[in-house]
Amino acid sequence: PTPIASPNGTNPFEFVFTEKTLDVEGRPFVFRELSVKENDACIDASRQPDGEINGRTNMRLMIAKSSVNPKIGVDDLVSLPNRIYYKIAEFVSTLNSIDDAILPADPDDKDDDEGKS
């Protein structure tokens, strides 16, 4: 198989990270998708002593790492109104989701119909 060439043709694993802008009450916030390494670091940093992952901590670390402009720190996040935090968290989660990025929707998938009658 032919490797996927990078824009400069030297590294087949060099890709441009997606950046998207979220409007938060008339203010633009730019976020970018995380690399696998960055995502792993967020997960590792949010691991509790019992081995479980603290989901809130993981999400806050992902938001901070993903923010481009303005750069957001974890301390900034905890001071936001809850509705704004959840809007940002959902946006960053979607930006870093692999569900729609790789797998096309399957028209024969019946999971969406479960529980409906």
Protein backbone atom coordinates (compact mmCIF):
# COMPACT_ATOMS: atom_id res chain seq x y z
CA PRO A 1 0.00 0.00 0.00
CA THR A 2 1.05 3.58 -0.66
CA PRO A 3 1.71 5.61 2.50
CA ILE A 4 -0.16 8.85 2.98
CA ALA A 5 2.36 11.57 2.24
CA SER A 6 2.61 14.71 4.33
CA PRO A 7 2.21 18.14 2.73
CA ASN A 8 6.00 18.48 2.51
CA GLY A 9 6.39 14.85 1.40
CA THR A 10 8.86 13.80 4.07
CA ASN A 11 6.85 12.22 6.89
CA PRO A 12 3.92 9.90 6.15
CA PHE A 13 2.60 10.45 9.70
CA GLU A 14 2.54 14.25 9.60
CA PHE A 15 -1.00 15.60 9.58
CA VAL A 16 -2.61 18.96 10.19
CA PHE A 17 -4.62 19.08 13.43
CA THR A 18 -8.18 20.33 13.07
CA GLU A 19 -8.91 23.71 14.64
CA LYS A 20 -12.45 24.95 15.22
CA THR A 21 -13.94 28.08 16.71
CA LEU A 22 -16.69 28.11 19.32
CA ASP A 23 -18.78 31.22 19.83
CA VAL A 24 -19.27 31.81 23.56
CA GLU A 25 -21.69 34.68 24.04
CA GLY A 26 -20.23 36.60 21.10
CA ARG A 27 -16.59 35.77 21.92
CA PRO A 28 -14.59 33.41 19.71
CA PHE A 29 -12.72 30.57 21.40
CA VAL A 30 -10.38 28.52 19.19
CA PHE A 31 -9.64 24.88 20.04
CA ARG A 32 -7.64 22.20 18.26
CA GLU A 33 -7.83 18.45 18.34
CA LEU A 34 -5.33 16.65 20.55
CA SER A 35 -2.69 14.19 19.48
CA VAL A 36 -2.85 10.66 20.86
CA LYS A 37 0.15 11.51 23.06
CA GLU A 38 -1.57 14.61 24.45
CA ASN A 39 -4.79 12.71 25.09
CA ASP A 40 -2.85 9.93 26.86
CA ALA A 41 -1.10 12.53 29.04
CA CYS A 42 -4.47 13.98 30.09
CA ILE A 43 -5.74 10.51 30.97
CA ASP A 44 -2.57 9.63 32.90
CA ALA A 45 -2.68 12.93 34.82
CA SER A 46 -6.31 12.32 35.82
CA ARG A 47 -5.72 8.76 37.06
CA GLN A 48 -6.63 8.32 40.73
CA PRO A 49 -4.66 6.18 43.20
CA ASP A 50 -7.12 3.29 42.70
CA GLY A 51 -6.42 3.34 38.94
CA GLU A 52 -9.76 4.88 37.97
CA ILE A 53 -9.87 7.96 35.74
CA ASN A 54 -11.43 11.12 37.15
CA GLY A 55 -13.59 12.20 34.21
CA ARG A 56 -13.96 15.80 35.36
CA THR A 57 -10.21 16.24 35.73
CA ASN A 58 -9.59 14.56 32.38
CA MET A 59 -12.06 16.85 30.61
CA ARG A 60 -10.58 19.97 32.20
CA LEU A 61 -7.07 18.93 31.17
CA MET A 62 -8.28 18.21 27.63
CA ILE A 63 -9.91 21.65 27.39
CA ALA A 64 -6.78 23.39 28.68
CA LYS A 65 -4.50 21.48 26.30
CA SER A 66 -6.88 21.92 23.37
CA SER A 67 -7.36 25.68 23.79
CA VAL A 68 -5.52 27.86 21.28
CA ASN A 69 -6.94 31.37 21.59
CA PRO A 70 -7.53 32.42 24.24
CA LYS A 71 -5.31 29.95 26.06
CA ILE A 72 -7.38 28.52 28.93
CA GLY A 73 -5.94 27.11 32.13
CA VAL A 74 -7.62 24.68 34.50
CA ASP A 75 -7.94 27.48 37.06
CA ASP A 76 -9.80 29.57 34.46
CA LEU A 77 -12.28 26.76 33.87
CA VAL A 78 -13.36 26.36 37.47
CA SER A 79 -14.28 30.05 37.59
CA LEU A 80 -16.63 29.89 34.58
CA PRO A 81 -20.41 29.72 34.86
CA ASN A 82 -21.47 26.08 34.65
CA ARG A 83 -23.46 26.58 31.41
CA ILE A 84 -20.37 28.04 29.69
CA TYR A 85 -18.13 25.25 30.99
CA TYR A 86 -20.50 22.57 29.69
CA LYS A 87 -20.73 24.26 26.29
CA ILE A 88 -16.92 24.28 26.02
CA ALA A 89 -16.60 20.72 27.35
CA GLU A 90 -19.11 19.38 24.83
CA PHE A 91 -17.35 21.23 21.99
CA VAL A 92 -13.88 19.92 22.91
CA SER A 93 -15.24 16.41 23.44
CA THR A 94 -16.83 16.43 19.98
CA LEU A 95 -13.67 17.89 18.41
CA ASN A 96 -11.66 15.00 19.85
CA SER A 97 -14.21 12.26 19.18
CA ILE A 98 -13.22 9.50 16.79
CA ASP A 99 -16.78 8.32 16.19
CA ASP A 100 -17.59 10.65 13.32
CA ALA A 101 -14.02 11.39 12.25
CA ILE A 102 -13.20 7.89 11.06
CA LEU A 103 -16.32 5.82 10.75
CA PRO A 104 -18.99 6.85 8.27
CA ALA A 105 -22.56 6.52 9.47
CA ASP A 106 -23.96 3.05 8.82
CA PRO A 107 -27.49 3.36 7.39
CA ASP A 108 -28.20 -0.21 8.54
CA ASP A 109 -27.19 0.52 12.15
CA LYS A 110 -30.18 -0.24 14.34
CA ASP A 111 -28.66 1.06 17.62
CA ASP A 112 -30.43 4.39 17.22
CA ASP A 113 -33.76 2.60 17.10
CA GLU A 114 -33.31 0.68 20.36
CA GLY A 115 -35.98 1.43 22.91
CA LYS A 116 -38.26 3.10 20.40
CA SER A 117 -41.57 1.47 19.70
